[in-house]
Amino acid sequence: MNPASLPVGQRVNALVKALNGAKRTNEALARCSSGEEMLDVLLDASAKLGLGLTRQQLANTPPIRDWVWWKNKEALLTIGDNKPRYQQDGGQGKAEPAQPGEEAPRKRFLGLF
């Protein structure tokens, strides 16, 4: 069976499985300074495997879409003041330390309805 004839999701999954244990490719991905560089490496790997994935398909299909997002630190979704979620969290869910003798500020729950 020709791998290029599979649906995009299955081809991306085949690429991800092929990357598991591919030391040189994983090192190249780790050295990338941006998501675009990662896509170049992944396009090369896709071509070598005969998967025929395009840059657009890689950029829009999870989990590679999420890898590119993480490398670029660009939020797929923003909440609140148009700040990416990772910037809104600040301490990543950690409570702010209170001053000695002072109580930590309470978080307010406004409800969903």
N, C-alpha and C. Protein backbone atom coordinates (compact mmCIF):
# COMPACT_ATOMS: atom_id res chain seq x y z
N MET A 1 0.85 -1.19 0.00
CA MET A 1 0.00 0.00 0.00
C MET A 1 0.89 1.25 0.00
N ASN A 2 0.51 2.22 -0.77
CA ASN A 2 1.25 3.47 -0.88
C ASN A 2 0.90 4.36 0.32
N PRO A 3 1.90 4.71 1.14
CA PRO A 3 1.60 5.55 2.32
C PRO A 3 1.01 6.91 1.96
N ALA A 4 1.34 7.43 0.80
CA ALA A 4 0.84 8.75 0.40
C ALA A 4 -0.66 8.73 0.11
N SER A 5 -1.24 7.53 -0.04
CA SER A 5 -2.68 7.44 -0.31
C SER A 5 -3.52 7.40 0.97
N LEU A 6 -2.87 7.32 2.12
CA LEU A 6 -3.58 7.30 3.40
C LEU A 6 -4.13 8.69 3.72
N PRO A 7 -5.16 8.76 4.58
CA PRO A 7 -5.64 10.08 5.02
C PRO A 7 -4.54 10.84 5.78
N VAL A 8 -4.65 12.15 5.81
CA VAL A 8 -3.63 13.00 6.41
C VAL A 8 -3.33 12.60 7.86
N GLY A 9 -4.37 12.38 8.65
CA GLY A 9 -4.18 12.03 10.05
C GLY A 9 -3.35 10.76 10.23
N GLN A 10 -3.60 9.77 9.39
CA GLN A 10 -2.83 8.51 9.47
C GLN A 10 -1.39 8.71 9.02
N ARG A 11 -1.19 9.56 8.01
CA ARG A 11 0.19 9.83 7.57
C ARG A 11 0.97 10.58 8.64
N VAL A 12 0.32 11.53 9.31
CA VAL A 12 0.98 12.26 10.40
C VAL A 12 1.31 11.29 11.54
N ASN A 13 0.37 10.41 11.87
CA ASN A 13 0.64 9.41 12.92
C ASN A 13 1.80 8.51 12.53
N ALA A 14 1.90 8.13 11.26
CA ALA A 14 3.02 7.31 10.80
C ALA A 14 4.34 8.07 10.95
N LEU A 15 4.32 9.36 10.65
CA LEU A 15 5.52 10.18 10.81
C LEU A 15 5.92 10.27 12.27
N VAL A 16 4.96 10.49 13.15
CA VAL A 16 5.25 10.59 14.59
C VAL A 16 5.84 9.27 15.10
N LYS A 17 5.27 8.14 14.67
CA LYS A 17 5.81 6.84 15.08
C LYS A 17 7.22 6.63 14.55
N ALA A 18 7.47 7.09 13.33
CA ALA A 18 8.82 6.94 12.75
C ALA A 18 9.83 7.81 13.49
N LEU A 19 9.38 8.94 14.05
CA LEU A 19 10.29 9.83 14.78
C LEU A 19 10.69 9.25 16.13
N ASN A 20 9.88 8.34 16.66
CA ASN A 20 10.18 7.73 17.94
C ASN A 20 11.44 6.87 17.80
N GLY A 21 12.52 7.30 18.40
CA GLY A 21 13.78 6.58 18.33
C GLY A 21 14.71 7.05 17.22
N ALA A 22 14.26 8.00 16.39
CA ALA A 22 15.10 8.54 15.32
C ALA A 22 15.99 9.62 15.92
N LYS A 23 17.15 9.22 16.40
CA LYS A 23 18.01 10.10 17.17
C LYS A 23 18.41 11.37 16.40
N ARG A 24 18.88 11.22 15.18
CA ARG A 24 19.36 12.39 14.43
C ARG A 24 18.23 13.38 14.12
N THR A 25 17.07 12.85 13.76
CA THR A 25 15.94 13.73 13.47
C THR A 25 15.49 14.45 14.72
N ASN A 26 15.43 13.74 15.83
CA ASN A 26 15.02 14.37 17.09
C ASN A 26 16.02 15.43 17.54
N GLU A 27 17.30 15.18 17.32
CA GLU A 27 18.31 16.19 17.65
C GLU A 27 18.15 17.42 16.76
N ALA A 28 17.85 17.19 15.48
CA ALA A 28 17.65 18.31 14.55
C ALA A 28 16.42 19.13 14.97
N LEU A 29 15.36 18.44 15.40
CA LEU A 29 14.16 19.15 15.86
C LEU A 29 14.45 19.96 17.11
N ALA A 30 15.26 19.41 18.00
CA ALA A 30 15.60 20.11 19.24
C ALA A 30 16.43 21.36 18.96
N ARG A 31 17.26 21.34 17.92
CA ARG A 31 18.10 22.49 17.59
C ARG A 31 17.33 23.60 16.88
N CYS A 32 16.16 23.33 16.39
CA CYS A 32 15.38 24.33 15.67
C CYS A 32 15.03 25.49 16.59
N SER A 33 15.16 26.70 16.05
CA SER A 33 14.85 27.88 16.86
C SER A 33 13.42 28.37 16.66
N SER A 34 12.73 27.82 15.66
CA SER A 34 11.34 28.25 15.43
C SER A 34 10.54 27.07 14.88
N GLY A 35 9.24 27.26 14.88
CA GLY A 35 8.35 26.25 14.35
C GLY A 35 8.54 26.04 12.86
N GLU A 36 8.89 27.10 12.14
CA GLU A 36 9.11 26.98 10.69
C GLU A 36 10.30 26.07 10.40
N GLU A 37 11.35 26.18 11.21
CA GLU A 37 12.50 25.30 11.04
C GLU A 37 12.11 23.86 11.34
N MET A 38 11.26 23.68 12.35
CA MET A 38 10.78 22.34 12.67
C MET A 38 10.01 21.75 11.49
N LEU A 39 9.17 22.57 10.86
CA LEU A 39 8.41 22.09 9.71
C LEU A 39 9.33 21.67 8.57
N ASP A 40 10.44 22.39 8.38
CA ASP A 40 11.41 22.01 7.34
C ASP A 40 11.97 20.62 7.62
N VAL A 41 12.35 20.36 8.86
CA VAL A 41 12.90 19.06 9.24
C VAL A 41 11.85 17.97 9.05
N LEU A 42 10.61 18.26 9.47
CA LEU A 42 9.54 17.27 9.37
C LEU A 42 9.14 17.02 7.91
N LEU A 43 9.20 18.04 7.07
CA LEU A 43 8.93 17.85 5.64
C LEU A 43 9.97 16.92 5.02
N ASP A 44 11.22 17.11 5.41
CA ASP A 44 12.30 16.25 4.91
C ASP A 44 12.07 14.80 5.36
N ALA A 45 11.70 14.62 6.62
CA ALA A 45 11.44 13.27 7.13
C ALA A 45 10.25 12.65 6.41
N SER A 46 9.21 13.44 6.17
CA SER A 46 8.04 12.95 5.45
C SER A 46 8.40 12.50 4.03
N ALA A 47 9.24 13.28 3.37
CA ALA A 47 9.66 12.94 2.01
C ALA A 47 10.47 11.64 2.00
N LYS A 48 11.37 11.48 2.97
CA LYS A 48 12.18 10.26 3.03
C LYS A 48 11.33 9.02 3.28
N LEU A 49 10.23 9.19 4.02
CA LEU A 49 9.33 8.07 4.31
C LEU A 49 8.29 7.86 3.21
N GLY A 50 8.23 8.77 2.25
CA GLY A 50 7.27 8.66 1.16
C GLY A 50 5.85 8.97 1.58
N LEU A 51 5.69 9.80 2.60
CA LEU A 51 4.36 10.12 3.10
C LEU A 51 3.68 11.24 2.32
N GLY A 52 4.46 12.08 1.66
CA GLY A 52 3.91 13.13 0.82
C GLY A 52 3.12 14.19 1.56
N LEU A 53 3.50 14.49 2.78
CA LEU A 53 2.82 15.53 3.55
C LEU A 53 3.29 16.91 3.11
N THR A 54 2.38 17.86 3.11
CA THR A 54 2.73 19.24 2.78
C THR A 54 2.96 20.03 4.06
N ARG A 55 3.57 21.18 3.92
CA ARG A 55 3.80 22.07 5.06
C ARG A 55 2.48 22.44 5.73
N GLN A 56 1.46 22.74 4.92
CA GLN A 56 0.16 23.12 5.44
C GLN A 56 -0.47 21.96 6.23
N GLN A 57 -0.37 20.74 5.72
CA GLN A 57 -0.93 19.59 6.42
C GLN A 57 -0.23 19.37 7.76
N LEU A 58 1.08 19.52 7.77
CA LEU A 58 1.82 19.35 9.02
C LEU A 58 1.46 20.44 10.03
N ALA A 59 1.33 21.66 9.54
CA ALA A 59 1.06 22.79 10.43
C ALA A 59 -0.35 22.77 11.00
N ASN A 60 -1.26 22.03 10.37
CA ASN A 60 -2.66 22.04 10.82
C ASN A 60 -3.11 20.74 11.47
N THR A 61 -2.25 19.75 11.57
CA THR A 61 -2.66 18.45 12.09
C THR A 61 -1.95 18.15 13.40
N PRO A 62 -2.73 17.83 14.46
CA PRO A 62 -2.10 17.46 15.73
C PRO A 62 -1.42 16.10 15.57
N PRO A 63 -0.37 15.81 16.28
CA PRO A 63 0.27 16.59 17.33
C PRO A 63 1.32 17.56 16.82
N ILE A 64 1.63 17.50 15.54
CA ILE A 64 2.69 18.37 15.01
C ILE A 64 2.28 19.84 15.12
N ARG A 65 1.01 20.13 14.88
CA ARG A 65 0.51 21.51 15.04
C ARG A 65 0.84 22.02 16.45
N ASP A 66 0.66 21.15 17.44
CA ASP A 66 0.93 21.54 18.82
C ASP A 66 2.42 21.70 19.09
N TRP A 67 3.24 20.89 18.46
CA TRP A 67 4.70 21.03 18.62
C TRP A 67 5.16 22.37 18.08
N VAL A 68 4.64 22.73 16.91
CA VAL A 68 5.00 24.01 16.28
C VAL A 68 4.53 25.16 17.16
N TRP A 69 3.30 25.05 17.68
CA TRP A 69 2.78 26.08 18.58
C TRP A 69 3.71 26.23 19.79
N TRP A 70 4.11 25.13 20.38
CA TRP A 70 4.94 25.20 21.59
C TRP A 70 6.30 25.83 21.26
N LYS A 71 6.86 25.48 20.12
CA LYS A 71 8.16 26.03 19.74
C LYS A 71 8.06 27.53 19.51
N ASN A 72 6.96 27.97 18.88
CA ASN A 72 6.77 29.40 18.60
C ASN A 72 6.19 30.16 19.77
N LYS A 73 5.66 29.45 20.76
CA LYS A 73 4.98 30.06 21.91
C LYS A 73 3.83 30.94 21.44
N GLU A 74 3.12 30.48 20.44
CA GLU A 74 1.95 31.19 19.93
C GLU A 74 0.72 30.41 20.35
N ALA A 75 -0.19 31.06 21.00
CA ALA A 75 -1.39 30.39 21.48
C ALA A 75 -2.35 30.10 20.34
N LEU A 76 -2.92 28.91 20.37
CA LEU A 76 -3.96 28.57 19.42
C LEU A 76 -5.26 29.27 19.78
N LEU A 77 -5.43 29.55 21.06
CA LEU A 77 -6.65 30.14 21.59
C LEU A 77 -6.27 31.15 22.65
N THR A 78 -6.90 32.28 22.63
CA THR A 78 -6.65 33.26 23.68
C THR A 78 -7.93 33.46 24.48
N ILE A 79 -7.76 33.80 25.73
CA ILE A 79 -8.87 34.00 26.64
C ILE A 79 -8.63 35.33 27.35
N GLY A 80 -9.66 36.09 27.55
CA GLY A 80 -9.52 37.31 28.33
C GLY A 80 -9.00 38.47 27.52
N ASP A 81 -7.91 39.04 27.93
CA ASP A 81 -7.37 40.27 27.35
C ASP A 81 -6.52 40.04 26.11
N ASN A 82 -6.90 39.08 25.30
CA ASN A 82 -6.15 38.73 24.09
C ASN A 82 -4.71 38.35 24.40
N LYS A 83 -4.47 37.87 25.60
CA LYS A 83 -3.15 37.36 25.94
C LYS A 83 -3.16 35.85 25.75
N PRO A 84 -2.11 35.29 25.20
CA PRO A 84 -2.06 33.83 25.11
C PRO A 84 -2.19 33.21 26.50
N ARG A 85 -2.76 32.05 26.55
CA ARG A 85 -3.06 31.39 27.82
C ARG A 85 -1.80 31.24 28.68
N TYR A 86 -0.65 30.90 28.08
CA TYR A 86 0.55 30.70 28.87
C TYR A 86 1.02 31.99 29.53
N GLN A 87 0.69 33.16 28.94
CA GLN A 87 1.06 34.44 29.56
C GLN A 87 0.08 34.82 30.64
N GLN A 88 -1.19 34.45 30.49
CA GLN A 88 -2.18 34.77 31.50
C GLN A 88 -1.90 34.02 32.79
N ASP A 89 -1.43 32.80 32.65
CA ASP A 89 -1.21 31.97 33.83
C ASP A 89 -0.06 32.49 34.67
N GLY A 90 0.88 33.16 34.06
CA GLY A 90 2.01 33.72 34.80
C GLY A 90 2.78 32.66 35.56
N GLY A 91 2.34 32.34 36.75
CA GLY A 91 3.02 31.36 37.60
C GLY A 91 2.63 29.94 37.30
N GLN A 92 1.93 29.73 36.19
CA GLN A 92 1.50 28.39 35.79
C GLN A 92 0.73 27.69 36.88
N GLY A 93 -0.23 28.38 37.47
CA GLY A 93 -1.11 27.79 38.46
C GLY A 93 -0.60 27.82 39.88
N LYS A 94 0.58 28.34 40.10
CA LYS A 94 1.13 28.42 41.45
C LYS A 94 0.55 29.64 42.16
N ALA A 95 0.26 29.47 43.42
CA ALA A 95 -0.26 30.58 44.21
C ALA A 95 0.85 31.61 44.42
N GLU A 96 0.45 32.87 44.40
CA GLU A 96 1.43 33.93 44.63
C GLU A 96 1.84 33.92 46.10
N PRO A 97 3.12 34.03 46.38
CA PRO A 97 3.54 34.00 47.79
C PRO A 97 3.08 35.26 48.52
N ALA A 98 2.60 35.05 49.70
CA ALA A 98 2.14 36.18 50.51
C ALA A 98 3.32 36.75 51.29
N GLN A 99 3.21 38.02 51.65
CA GLN A 99 4.22 38.65 52.49
C GLN A 99 4.12 38.03 53.88
N PRO A 100 5.21 38.02 54.63
CA PRO A 100 5.13 37.46 55.98
C PRO A 100 4.06 38.18 56.80
N GLY A 101 3.20 37.39 57.43
CA GLY A 101 2.13 37.96 58.25
C GLY A 101 0.92 38.38 57.43
N GLU A 102 0.95 38.15 56.13
CA GLU A 102 -0.14 38.55 55.26
C GLU A 102 -0.77 37.30 54.66
N GLU A 103 -2.05 37.35 54.46
CA GLU A 103 -2.76 36.21 53.87
C GLU A 103 -2.68 36.30 52.35
N ALA A 104 -2.58 35.16 51.67
CA ALA A 104 -2.52 35.14 50.21
C ALA A 104 -3.86 35.65 49.65
N PRO A 105 -3.82 36.38 48.55
CA PRO A 105 -5.07 36.90 47.99
C PRO A 105 -5.97 35.75 47.53
N ARG A 106 -7.28 35.93 47.77
CA ARG A 106 -8.25 34.91 47.37
C ARG A 106 -8.56 35.07 45.89
N LYS A 107 -8.74 33.95 45.24
CA LYS A 107 -9.15 33.98 43.85
C LYS A 107 -10.68 33.97 43.81
N ARG A 108 -11.23 34.77 42.92
CA ARG A 108 -12.68 34.87 42.84
C ARG A 108 -13.19 33.98 41.72
N PHE A 109 -14.26 33.28 41.99
CA PHE A 109 -14.92 32.45 41.00
C PHE A 109 -16.20 33.15 40.60
N LEU A 110 -16.31 33.48 39.32
CA LEU A 110 -17.46 34.23 38.88
C LEU A 110 -18.56 33.33 38.32
N GLY A 111 -18.30 32.05 38.21
CA GLY A 111 -19.30 31.12 37.73
C GLY A 111 -19.33 31.03 36.22
N LEU A 112 -20.05 30.07 35.74
CA LEU A 112 -20.12 29.85 34.30
C LEU A 112 -21.41 30.37 33.69
N PHE A 113 -22.39 30.69 34.52
CA PHE A 113 -23.68 31.11 33.99
C PHE A 113 -24.04 32.50 34.43
